[in-house]
Amino acid sequence: RLALVFSHTSKYPDEPPLLKVK
């Protein structure tokens, strides 16, 4: 869950949060 938040905030334009969740 944290990964999703971080990705959505840090790497939102870089790569989708869903990918980071996995």
PDB file of N, CA and C in Angstrom:
ATOM      1  N   ARG A   1       0.852  -1.207   0.000  1.00  0.00           N
ATOM      2  CA  ARG A   1       0.000   0.000   0.000  1.00  0.00           C
ATOM      3  C   ARG A   1       0.883   1.253   0.000  1.00  0.00           C
ATOM      4  N   LEU A   2       1.886   1.268   0.830  1.00  0.00           N
ATOM      5  CA  LEU A   2       2.777   2.429   0.881  1.00  0.00           C
ATOM      6  C   LEU A   2       3.442   2.650  -0.478  1.00  0.00           C
ATOM      7  N   ALA A   3       3.826   1.546  -1.095  1.00  0.00           N
ATOM      8  CA  ALA A   3       4.484   1.639  -2.407  1.00  0.00           C
ATOM      9  C   ALA A   3       3.579   2.380  -3.392  1.00  0.00           C
ATOM     10  N   LEU A   4       2.301   2.066  -3.342  1.00  0.00           N
ATOM     11  CA  LEU A   4       1.346   2.701  -4.246  1.00  0.00           C
ATOM     12  C   LEU A   4       1.326   4.214  -4.019  1.00  0.00           C
ATOM     13  N   VAL A   5       1.267   4.624  -2.770  1.00  0.00           N
ATOM     14  CA  VAL A   5       1.231   6.047  -2.434  1.00  0.00           C
ATOM     15  C   VAL A   5       2.519   6.731  -2.899  1.00  0.00           C
ATOM     16  N   PHE A   6       3.650   6.114  -2.574  1.00  0.00           N
ATOM     17  CA  PHE A   6       4.941   6.685  -2.954  1.00  0.00           C
ATOM     18  C   PHE A   6       5.042   6.828  -4.473  1.00  0.00           C
ATOM     19  N   SER A   7       4.665   5.771  -5.157  1.00  0.00           N
ATOM     20  CA  SER A   7       4.736   5.793  -6.619  1.00  0.00           C
ATOM     21  C   SER A   7       3.808   6.864  -7.182  1.00  0.00           C
ATOM     22  N   HIS A   8       2.623   6.927  -6.633  1.00  0.00           N
ATOM     23  CA  HIS A   8       1.634   7.878  -7.123  1.00  0.00           C
ATOM     24  C   HIS A   8       2.096   9.322  -6.891  1.00  0.00           C
ATOM     25  N   THR A   9       2.946   9.499  -5.880  1.00  0.00           N
ATOM     26  CA  THR A   9       3.412  10.845  -5.548  1.00  0.00           C
ATOM     27  C   THR A   9       4.792  11.132  -6.126  1.00  0.00           C
ATOM     28  N   SER A  10       5.643  10.095  -6.136  1.00  0.00           N
ATOM     29  CA  SER A  10       7.016  10.296  -6.591  1.00  0.00           C
ATOM     30  C   SER A  10       7.192   9.940  -8.063  1.00  0.00           C
ATOM     31  N   LYS A  11       6.618   8.802  -8.462  1.00  0.00           N
ATOM     32  CA  LYS A  11       6.809   8.365  -9.859  1.00  0.00           C
ATOM     33  C   LYS A  11       5.474   8.280 -10.585  1.00  0.00           C
ATOM     34  N   TYR A  12       4.640   9.251 -10.357  1.00  0.00           N
ATOM     35  CA  TYR A  12       3.323   9.221 -11.025  1.00  0.00           C
ATOM     36  C   TYR A  12       3.481   9.336 -12.548  1.00  0.00           C
ATOM     37  N   PRO A  13       4.232  10.317 -13.026  1.00  0.00           N
ATOM     38  CA  PRO A  13       4.426  10.492 -14.473  1.00  0.00           C
ATOM     39  C   PRO A  13       5.420   9.482 -15.041  1.00  0.00           C
ATOM     40  N   ASP A  14       6.231   8.919 -14.181  1.00  0.00           N
ATOM     41  CA  ASP A  14       7.244   7.962 -14.632  1.00  0.00           C
ATOM     42  C   ASP A  14       6.607   6.616 -14.983  1.00  0.00           C
ATOM     43  N   GLU A  15       5.973   6.024 -13.990  1.00  0.00           N
ATOM     44  CA  GLU A  15       5.309   4.736 -14.228  1.00  0.00           C
ATOM     45  C   GLU A  15       4.076   4.629 -13.349  1.00  0.00           C
ATOM     46  N   PRO A  16       3.072   3.872 -13.791  1.00  0.00           N
ATOM     47  CA  PRO A  16       1.816   3.722 -13.057  1.00  0.00           C
ATOM     48  C   PRO A  16       2.035   3.130 -11.671  1.00  0.00           C
ATOM     49  N   PRO A  17       1.266   3.583 -10.682  1.00  0.00           N
ATOM     50  CA  PRO A  17       1.353   3.087  -9.301  1.00  0.00           C
ATOM     51  C   PRO A  17       1.014   1.608  -9.216  1.00  0.00           C
ATOM     52  N   LEU A  18       0.077   1.174 -10.046  1.00  0.00           N
ATOM     53  CA  LEU A  18      -0.331  -0.234 -10.033  1.00  0.00           C
ATOM     54  C   LEU A  18       0.880  -1.133 -10.250  1.00  0.00           C
ATOM     55  N   LEU A  19       1.758  -0.720 -11.161  1.00  0.00           N
ATOM     56  CA  LEU A  19       2.940  -1.523 -11.448  1.00  0.00           C
ATOM     57  C   LEU A  19       3.836  -1.607 -10.205  1.00  0.00           C
ATOM     58  N   LYS A  20       3.925  -0.501  -9.489  1.00  0.00           N
ATOM     59  CA  LYS A  20       4.764  -0.443  -8.299  1.00  0.00           C
ATOM     60  C   LYS A  20       4.184  -1.310  -7.183  1.00  0.00           C
ATOM     61  N   VAL A  21       2.872  -1.378  -7.131  1.00  0.00           N
ATOM     62  CA  VAL A  21       2.200  -2.165  -6.088  1.00  0.00           C
ATOM     63  C   VAL A  21       2.701  -3.600  -6.121  1.00  0.00           C
ATOM     64  N   LYS A  22       2.823  -4.136  -7.325  1.00  0.00           N
ATOM     65  CA  LYS A  22       3.269  -5.518  -7.466  1.00  0.00           C
ATOM     66  C   LYS A  22       4.711  -5.643  -6.989  1.00  0.00           C
TER      67      LYS A  22
END
